[in-house]
Amino acid sequence: MKGRRRTRKRQKENGIALLIAIFILLLIGVAAIALVVSSGAESALAGNYRSSTSVYYAAVAGLEEVRARLRPTDPNSFTNTAPGFLPPPGTLGDCNPIYVTNPIGGVAITPWVQGSDYSDTQFIQEHGDACAGAGPPSPSPTAPSLWNLNPLKSLAFPGPLYKWVRINGVSEKSLNLDVDADGRADSIAPLYFDNANRVFSNNPGVGPQALELTALAVLPNRTQKLLQYLVAPTPLNLTLPAALTLDGNNVQFTVPNSANFQVSGTDQGSVGSCNPGAVAVTAVGYTNSSDASRTNILNAIQANLTGNYTPTPPPPPTPPPPNVNLVSFSSSLGCPRCSLTTVGGVNALVQAITQSADVVIQGPATQSSMPSAMSASHPMTIVVNGNLTFADWHSTGYGLLLVTGDFTFDPGASWDGIVLVIGTGNLYSAQSGNGQFLGAVFLARTLDASRNPLPPGSPPVSPYFDFTPASGSNGVYYSSCWVQVAQPASTYKVLSFHEISQ
């Protein structure tokens, strides 16, 4: 009996091992399936992340390329590679965009054609109200990307996979931003960026026009991204404290005996929509109160002509004393290294201007060396390394002129903007003429008598404003508008950056 019970018990336990084995196999199968699913999800996530990152940086590459090419001093600037593509500064409207296209593989890129591949559908969404609901003009002006220009075009690998970058101005309506504080974002006037107060304005006199850059990038797998910059050029912010500033020890000063020659610190001279109205500055400024600078300046001015050196017109009949004052400088001047109380700081200013110059000319140079593209609507930054001589030139220059050698000036000519003579610090004239400087003039000597550099920590020495008694010229007249307009933009600063959802 006992034997039969043990046999039946063993029979009941038959198959337990199989069930356990099957259960373990099921667990392994479930774990394997989970691993496969997890691996697939991770691979998909990694692929999506890779695509998203790639298309993001492709769009950023387009934005950065265009931002760099907006600077006239960039070797690949639109000025050099696509003449006529950019309209004059301050005139690009938000309803008249221009495009940089990147047709890799010969694919036509026509963003202004709605419904085409890579069409600019975002333009109407953002600018429709400002542009009567219309899309960009068809066709719109275009310029090729750097990747479609030689020598980059001949590379064996493609460039960034962005399709186009749109450049346009902005307004209250397009940004939905109440700039004029009237309670409505309704103005379609271009917006300008006030670098000093870091705000937008409808007044072109406060600073440069703000521009919008929008880039579309699309990968072969159709992943795409739309990114946008709001940018504005950053000026040098050079604030000069006098119509004529003589920076250094024991300044030398000679002026004509003519009643027509004046140095006025009264703000004057309109430029575009910028009108004078700034506080008057010193007529003639010097920087060392413990040497003979002030005496040298006052002794050069005839007693009957003292009223020609004032911020305001002299009241008759007694001429007022000449407006000759000790001046100081802003600590930064838009260039943290540019303290104009030392040779090193003045040379840093020279370097900053040279890096942002439109044209750098190796002297000796003459008026024939001046760029033909310079005009009142297109002031330029011109650096002359060496001597510059104007002779029998009865024209007007526009912009910022930096001369590191002697500047021999024909007073039959005029200059609207800023004139800096830094190095020898000598501005000389001995001819007749009725031209003038409108803006500001600055002189600093950073070289010794043998034209060797002075120690960086030492102050500048003996600049010389030498307009001989027989010289003509109507003098120097301060203009805040021309001082502002003449300053070069060191870079296009990014004011905002965001991704546009699609």
Foldseek 3Di string as FASTA:
>chain_A
DVVVVVVVVVVVCPCPVVVVVVVVVVVVVVVVVVVVVVVVVVVVVVVVVVLVVQQVVLQVVQVVQQQQLCFLLRPNHCVNQPNPLDDFFPPFFLQQKEKAFEPPPVDDQQQQDPPDVNHCPVSLVQCCLVNVSHGHDVRHHYDYGPCCDPPNVVDPDGDRQWGMKIKGFAALRSVVHDQVPPPGSDDRQGWAAQPVVGGIDSQPLRHTTKMKIWIWGADPVGDIFIKMFTWGFDFLQADDQEQEEEFAAPAAEADAPDLLAAQAQAAADDADRRGDDDDGGFRYEYADPPHCNVVNHQVNDDLCNQQRQYNDRADPDHRDHHRYYYDAGDCASSHNQQHQQWLLNVVSVVVLLVLSFSEEAEDPEEPVPDDPPFDSSRAGRYEYEEEYEYDPDQEEHAAEYEYQYEYEDQQSYEYQAEYEHEACLEYEYEAAHEYEYEAHYYGFHQADPVSHGDPGGHGTHHRYDYYHNNYHYSYGYHHPSRHRVRTGGSGIDGSDMDIDDD
